[in-house]
Amino acid sequence: MNAKKDHRGTLTNCFFCEHFFITHEARYPYGCRAMGFKAPRMPAVDVYYASGTDCTLFVRKEVKEHHHD
């Protein structure tokens, strides 16, 4: 029996990771500080396609509350 993942691609959402950043470059709009690269799609997707596993460097961002005075 083949060991298959029960999902297609990564479940890691870079938007919630403290290493993720927006580059503002048209060709490579997304970046990962931990891995040191920029990409045309979410970095976790490239990590998944290259390794077959979800990103192991994901660190959940702390949510900062915004106070409206």
PDB file of N, CA and C in Angstrom:
ATOM      1  N   MET A   1       0.836  -1.176   0.000  1.00  0.00           N
ATOM      2  CA  MET A   1       0.000   0.000   0.000  1.00  0.00           C
ATOM      3  C   MET A   1       0.887   1.248   0.000  1.00  0.00           C
ATOM      4  N   ASN A   2       0.550   2.229  -0.822  1.00  0.00           N
ATOM      5  CA  ASN A   2       1.296   3.485  -0.879  1.00  0.00           C
ATOM      6  C   ASN A   2       0.937   4.373   0.298  1.00  0.00           C
ATOM      7  N   ALA A   3       1.938   4.991   0.895  1.00  0.00           N
ATOM      8  CA  ALA A   3       1.676   5.965   1.961  1.00  0.00           C
ATOM      9  C   ALA A   3       1.395   7.302   1.297  1.00  0.00           C
ATOM     10  N   LYS A   4       0.144   7.714   1.335  1.00  0.00           N
ATOM     11  CA  LYS A   4      -0.250   8.975   0.706  1.00  0.00           C
ATOM     12  C   LYS A   4      -0.661   9.968   1.769  1.00  0.00           C
ATOM     13  N   LYS A   5      -0.358  11.214   1.509  1.00  0.00           N
ATOM     14  CA  LYS A   5      -0.841  12.269   2.389  1.00  0.00           C
ATOM     15  C   LYS A   5      -2.334  12.411   2.154  1.00  0.00           C
ATOM     16  N   ASP A   6      -3.051  12.850   3.155  1.00  0.00           N
ATOM     17  CA  ASP A   6      -4.486  13.021   3.015  1.00  0.00           C
ATOM     18  C   ASP A   6      -4.851  14.426   2.548  1.00  0.00           C
ATOM     19  N   HIS A   7      -3.867  15.156   2.030  1.00  0.00           N
ATOM     20  CA  HIS A   7      -4.118  16.474   1.463  1.00  0.00           C
ATOM     21  C   HIS A   7      -3.175  16.695   0.288  1.00  0.00           C
ATOM     22  N   ARG A   8      -3.520  17.646  -0.518  1.00  0.00           N
ATOM     23  CA  ARG A   8      -2.668  17.986  -1.662  1.00  0.00           C
ATOM     24  C   ARG A   8      -1.860  19.214  -1.300  1.00  0.00           C
ATOM     25  N   GLY A   9      -0.557  19.070  -1.319  1.00  0.00           N
ATOM     26  CA  GLY A   9       0.295  20.205  -1.024  1.00  0.00           C
ATOM     27  C   GLY A   9       0.368  20.501   0.455  1.00  0.00           C
ATOM     28  N   THR A  10       0.905  21.643   0.735  1.00  0.00           N
ATOM     29  CA  THR A  10       1.170  22.033   2.106  1.00  0.00           C
ATOM     30  C   THR A  10      -0.065  22.589   2.809  1.00  0.00           C
ATOM     31  N   LEU A  11      -0.105  22.419   4.103  1.00  0.00           N
ATOM     32  CA  LEU A  11      -1.157  23.031   4.915  1.00  0.00           C
ATOM     33  C   LEU A  11      -0.615  24.232   5.681  1.00  0.00           C
ATOM     34  N   THR A  12       0.668  24.519   5.514  1.00  0.00           N
ATOM     35  CA  THR A  12       1.289  25.651   6.193  1.00  0.00           C
ATOM     36  C   THR A  12       0.861  26.947   5.520  1.00  0.00           C
ATOM     37  N   ASN A  13       0.413  27.907   6.315  1.00  0.00           N
ATOM     38  CA  ASN A  13       0.002  29.202   5.789  1.00  0.00           C
ATOM     39  C   ASN A  13       1.060  30.233   6.169  1.00  0.00           C
ATOM     40  N   CYS A  14       1.849  30.640   5.202  1.00  0.00           N
ATOM     41  CA  CYS A  14       2.949  31.570   5.443  1.00  0.00           C
ATOM     42  C   CYS A  14       2.483  32.897   6.047  1.00  0.00           C
ATOM     43  N   PHE A  15       1.259  33.311   5.768  1.00  0.00           N
ATOM     44  CA  PHE A  15       0.786  34.589   6.300  1.00  0.00           C
ATOM     45  C   PHE A  15       0.806  34.618   7.825  1.00  0.00           C
ATOM     46  N   PHE A  16       0.778  33.470   8.470  1.00  0.00           N
ATOM     47  CA  PHE A  16       0.783  33.394   9.921  1.00  0.00           C
ATOM     48  C   PHE A  16       2.169  33.131  10.503  1.00  0.00           C
ATOM     49  N   CYS A  17       3.199  33.122   9.662  1.00  0.00           N
ATOM     50  CA  CYS A  17       4.560  32.824  10.107  1.00  0.00           C
ATOM     51  C   CYS A  17       5.367  34.106  10.282  1.00  0.00           C
ATOM     52  N   GLU A  18       6.163  34.163  11.352  1.00  0.00           N
ATOM     53  CA  GLU A  18       6.965  35.366  11.598  1.00  0.00           C
ATOM     54  C   GLU A  18       8.106  35.538  10.606  1.00  0.00           C
ATOM     55  N   HIS A  19       8.468  34.510   9.858  1.00  0.00           N
ATOM     56  CA  HIS A  19       9.550  34.597   8.878  1.00  0.00           C
ATOM     57  C   HIS A  19       9.083  35.112   7.511  1.00  0.00           C
ATOM     58  N   PHE A  20       7.789  35.130   7.286  1.00  0.00           N
ATOM     59  CA  PHE A  20       7.219  35.516   5.997  1.00  0.00           C
ATOM     60  C   PHE A  20       7.260  37.032   5.823  1.00  0.00           C
ATOM     61  N   PHE A  21       7.511  37.458   4.584  1.00  0.00           N
ATOM     62  CA  PHE A  21       7.433  38.887   4.268  1.00  0.00           C
ATOM     63  C   PHE A  21       7.020  39.098   2.822  1.00  0.00           C
ATOM     64  N   ILE A  22       6.481  40.269   2.563  1.00  0.00           N
ATOM     65  CA  ILE A  22       6.106  40.688   1.208  1.00  0.00           C
ATOM     66  C   ILE A  22       7.280  41.485   0.654  1.00  0.00           C
ATOM     67  N   THR A  23       7.740  41.127  -0.545  1.00  0.00           N
ATOM     68  CA  THR A  23       8.926  41.763  -1.118  1.00  0.00           C
ATOM     69  C   THR A  23       8.624  43.027  -1.915  1.00  0.00           C
ATOM     70  N   HIS A  24       7.417  43.131  -2.440  1.00  0.00           N
ATOM     71  CA  HIS A  24       7.022  44.220  -3.328  1.00  0.00           C
ATOM     72  C   HIS A  24       7.740  44.139  -4.674  1.00  0.00           C
ATOM     73  N   GLU A  25       8.273  42.961  -5.008  1.00  0.00           N
ATOM     74  CA  GLU A  25       8.860  42.711  -6.316  1.00  0.00           C
ATOM     75  C   GLU A  25       7.824  41.946  -7.134  1.00  0.00           C
ATOM     76  N   ALA A  26       7.535  42.417  -8.321  1.00  0.00           N
ATOM     77  CA  ALA A  26       6.478  41.819  -9.138  1.00  0.00           C
ATOM     78  C   ALA A  26       6.709  40.333  -9.429  1.00  0.00           C
ATOM     79  N   ARG A  27       7.930  39.948  -9.738  1.00  0.00           N
ATOM     80  CA  ARG A  27       8.203  38.545 -10.096  1.00  0.00           C
ATOM     81  C   ARG A  27       8.297  37.622  -8.883  1.00  0.00           C
ATOM     82  N   TYR A  28       8.743  38.158  -7.760  1.00  0.00           N
ATOM     83  CA  TYR A  28       8.932  37.359  -6.547  1.00  0.00           C
ATOM     84  C   TYR A  28       8.331  38.104  -5.352  1.00  0.00           C
ATOM     85  N   PRO A  29       7.020  38.107  -5.234  1.00  0.00           N
ATOM     86  CA  PRO A  29       6.364  38.932  -4.218  1.00  0.00           C
ATOM     87  C   PRO A  29       6.419  38.398  -2.783  1.00  0.00           C
ATOM     88  N   TYR A  30       6.776  37.129  -2.598  1.00  0.00           N
ATOM     89  CA  TYR A  30       6.749  36.528  -1.266  1.00  0.00           C
ATOM     90  C   TYR A  30       8.139  36.062  -0.852  1.00  0.00           C
ATOM     91  N   GLY A  31       8.459  36.213   0.423  1.00  0.00           N
ATOM     92  CA  GLY A  31       9.770  35.808   0.890  1.00  0.00           C
ATOM     93  C   GLY A  31       9.730  35.105   2.226  1.00  0.00           C
ATOM     94  N   CYS A  32      10.810  34.376   2.504  1.00  0.00           N
ATOM     95  CA  CYS A  32      10.985  33.687   3.776  1.00  0.00           C
ATOM     96  C   CYS A  32      12.347  34.076   4.332  1.00  0.00           C
ATOM     97  N   ARG A  33      12.349  34.751   5.470  1.00  0.00           N
ATOM     98  CA  ARG A  33      13.619  35.158   6.093  1.00  0.00           C
ATOM     99  C   ARG A  33      14.393  33.950   6.619  1.00  0.00           C
ATOM    100  N   ALA A  34      13.699  32.955   7.143  1.00  0.00           N
ATOM    101  CA  ALA A  34      14.363  31.783   7.722  1.00  0.00           C
ATOM    102  C   ALA A  34      15.113  30.979   6.666  1.00  0.00           C
ATOM    103  N   MET A  35      14.528  30.859   5.482  1.00  0.00           N
ATOM    104  CA  MET A  35      15.157  30.069   4.414  1.00  0.00           C
ATOM    105  C   MET A  35      15.964  30.943   3.464  1.00  0.00           C
ATOM    106  N   GLY A  36      15.735  32.253   3.523  1.00  0.00           N
ATOM    107  CA  GLY A  36      16.526  33.175   2.725  1.00  0.00           C
ATOM    108  C   GLY A  36      16.228  33.163   1.243  1.00  0.00           C
ATOM    109  N   PHE A  37      14.946  33.079   0.884  1.00  0.00           N
ATOM    110  CA  PHE A  37      14.612  33.154  -0.538  1.00  0.00           C
ATOM    111  C   PHE A  37      13.315  33.898  -0.779  1.00  0.00           C
ATOM    112  N   LYS A  38      13.141  34.326  -2.025  1.00  0.00           N
ATOM    113  CA  LYS A  38      11.932  34.983  -2.497  1.00  0.00           C
ATOM    114  C   LYS A  38      11.307  34.075  -3.544  1.00  0.00           C
ATOM    115  N   ALA A  39       9.986  34.156  -3.689  1.00  0.00           N
ATOM    116  CA  ALA A  39       9.304  33.237  -4.598  1.00  0.00           C
ATOM    117  C   ALA A  39       8.074  33.887  -5.220  1.00  0.00           C
ATOM    118  N   PRO A  40       7.633  33.345  -6.354  1.00  0.00           N
ATOM    119  CA  PRO A  40       6.416  33.849  -6.979  1.00  0.00           C
ATOM    120  C   PRO A  40       5.145  33.327  -6.303  1.00  0.00           C
ATOM    121  N   ARG A  41       5.290  32.357  -5.402  1.00  0.00           N
ATOM    122  CA  ARG A  41       4.142  31.818  -4.652  1.00  0.00           C
ATOM    123  C   ARG A  41       4.558  31.672  -3.191  1.00  0.00           C
ATOM    124  N   MET A  42       3.659  31.252  -2.346  1.00  0.00           N
ATOM    125  CA  MET A  42       3.967  31.115  -0.928  1.00  0.00           C
ATOM    126  C   MET A  42       5.211  30.242  -0.740  1.00  0.00           C
ATOM    127  N   PRO A  43       6.172  30.673   0.056  1.00  0.00           N
ATOM    128  CA  PRO A  43       7.387  29.893   0.266  1.00  0.00           C
ATOM    129  C   PRO A  43       7.115  28.466   0.745  1.00  0.00           C
ATOM    130  N   ALA A  44       6.113  28.261   1.574  1.00  0.00           N
ATOM    131  CA  ALA A  44       5.806  26.915   2.078  1.00  0.00           C
ATOM    132  C   ALA A  44       5.433  25.967   0.946  1.00  0.00           C
ATOM    133  N   VAL A  45       4.870  26.498  -0.123  1.00  0.00           N
ATOM    134  CA  VAL A  45       4.519  25.665  -1.282  1.00  0.00           C
ATOM    135  C   VAL A  45       5.799  25.164  -1.946  1.00  0.00           C
ATOM    136  N   ASP A  46       6.768  26.050  -2.135  1.00  0.00           N
ATOM    137  CA  ASP A  46       8.048  25.637  -2.730  1.00  0.00           C
ATOM    138  C   ASP A  46       8.773  24.637  -1.833  1.00  0.00           C
ATOM    139  N   VAL A  47       8.727  24.860  -0.522  1.00  0.00           N
ATOM    140  CA  VAL A  47       9.350  23.927   0.421  1.00  0.00           C
ATOM    141  C   VAL A  47       8.688  22.557   0.297  1.00  0.00           C
ATOM    142  N   TYR A  48       7.372  22.541   0.225  1.00  0.00           N
ATOM    143  CA  TYR A  48       6.646  21.271   0.116  1.00  0.00           C
ATOM    144  C   TYR A  48       7.004  20.533  -1.173  1.00  0.00           C
ATOM    145  N   TYR A  49       7.009  21.265  -2.293  1.00  0.00           N
ATOM    146  CA  TYR A  49       7.335  20.617  -3.568  1.00  0.00           C
ATOM    147  C   TYR A  49       8.776  20.117  -3.618  1.00  0.00           C
ATOM    148  N   ALA A  50       9.687  20.814  -2.945  1.00  0.00           N
ATOM    149  CA  ALA A  50      11.092  20.398  -2.955  1.00  0.00           C
ATOM    150  C   ALA A  50      11.364  19.227  -2.011  1.00  0.00           C
ATOM    151  N   SER A  51      10.647  19.186  -0.885  1.00  0.00           N
ATOM    152  CA  SER A  51      10.964  18.182   0.133  1.00  0.00           C
ATOM    153  C   SER A  51       9.894  17.112   0.340  1.00  0.00           C
ATOM    154  N   GLY A  52       8.659  17.424  -0.067  1.00  0.00           N
ATOM    155  CA  GLY A  52       7.555  16.494   0.172  1.00  0.00           C
ATOM    156  C   GLY A  52       6.997  16.578   1.576  1.00  0.00           C
ATOM    157  N   THR A  53       7.496  17.539   2.363  1.00  0.00           N
ATOM    158  CA  THR A  53       7.000  17.725   3.725  1.00  0.00           C
ATOM    159  C   THR A  53       6.681  19.198   3.963  1.00  0.00           C
ATOM    160  N   ASP A  54       5.859  19.434   4.973  1.00  0.00           N
ATOM    161  CA  ASP A  54       5.540  20.807   5.331  1.00  0.00           C
ATOM    162  C   ASP A  54       6.767  21.495   5.932  1.00  0.00           C
ATOM    163  N   CYS A  55       6.774  22.806   5.882  1.00  0.00           N
ATOM    164  CA  CYS A  55       7.881  23.611   6.398  1.00  0.00           C
ATOM    165  C   CYS A  55       8.097  23.334   7.885  1.00  0.00           C
ATOM    166  N   THR A  56       9.331  23.083   8.263  1.00  0.00           N
ATOM    167  CA  THR A  56       9.657  22.821   9.661  1.00  0.00           C
ATOM    168  C   THR A  56      10.139  24.078  10.385  1.00  0.00           C
ATOM    169  N   LEU A  57      10.271  25.185   9.663  1.00  0.00           N
ATOM    170  CA  LEU A  57      10.739  26.434  10.268  1.00  0.00           C
ATOM    171  C   LEU A  57       9.603  27.398  10.583  1.00  0.00           C
ATOM    172  N   PHE A  58       8.371  26.958  10.389  1.00  0.00           N
ATOM    173  CA  PHE A  58       7.201  27.783  10.659  1.00  0.00           C
ATOM    174  C   PHE A  58       7.167  28.163  12.145  1.00  0.00           C
ATOM    175  N   VAL A  59       7.035  29.478  12.396  1.00  0.00           N
ATOM    176  CA  VAL A  59       6.868  29.998  13.756  1.00  0.00           C
ATOM    177  C   VAL A  59       5.675  30.932  13.724  1.00  0.00           C
ATOM    178  N   ARG A  60       4.636  30.574  14.460  1.00  0.00           N
ATOM    179  CA  ARG A  60       3.403  31.362  14.445  1.00  0.00           C
ATOM    180  C   ARG A  60       3.654  32.772  14.966  1.00  0.00           C
ATOM    181  N   LYS A  61       3.173  33.772  14.203  1.00  0.00           N
ATOM    182  CA  LYS A  61       3.286  35.176  14.605  1.00  0.00           C
ATOM    183  C   LYS A  61       2.448  35.425  15.845  1.00  0.00           C
ATOM    184  N   GLU A  62       2.927  36.340  16.664  1.00  0.00           N
ATOM    185  CA  GLU A  62       2.115  36.801  17.778  1.00  0.00           C
ATOM    186  C   GLU A  62       1.116  37.805  17.224  1.00  0.00           C
ATOM    187  N   VAL A  63      -0.110  37.665  17.634  1.00  0.00           N
ATOM    188  CA  VAL A  63      -1.152  38.594  17.184  1.00  0.00           C
ATOM    189  C   VAL A  63      -1.124  39.811  18.090  1.00  0.00           C
ATOM    190  N   LYS A  64      -0.965  40.962  17.474  1.00  0.00           N
ATOM    191  CA  LYS A  64      -0.943  42.211  18.230  1.00  0.00           C
ATOM    192  C   LYS A  64      -2.324  42.833  18.169  1.00  0.00           C
ATOM    193  N   GLU A  65      -2.827  43.176  19.317  1.00  0.00           N
ATOM    194  CA  GLU A  65      -4.151  43.794  19.359  1.00  0.00           C
ATOM    195  C   GLU A  65      -4.041  45.262  18.970  1.00  0.00           C
ATOM    196  N   HIS A  66      -5.025  45.711  18.210  1.00  0.00           N
ATOM    197  CA  HIS A  66      -5.103  47.125  17.827  1.00  0.00           C
ATOM    198  C   HIS A  66      -6.190  47.769  18.657  1.00  0.00           C
ATOM    199  N   HIS A  67      -5.805  48.810  19.349  1.00  0.00           N
ATOM    200  CA  HIS A  67      -6.776  49.534  20.176  1.00  0.00           C
ATOM    201  C   HIS A  67      -7.239  50.763  19.393  1.00  0.00           C
ATOM    202  N   HIS A  68      -8.535  50.900  19.312  1.00  0.00           N
ATOM    203  CA  HIS A  68      -9.115  52.065  18.654  1.00  0.00           C
ATOM    204  C   HIS A  68      -9.584  53.030  19.723  1.00  0.00           C
ATOM    205  N   ASP A  69      -8.894  54.145  19.833  1.00  0.00           N
ATOM    206  CA  ASP A  69      -9.252  55.139  20.864  1.00  0.00           C
ATOM    207  C   ASP A  69     -10.268  56.106  20.344  1.00  0.00           C
TER     208      ASP A  69
END
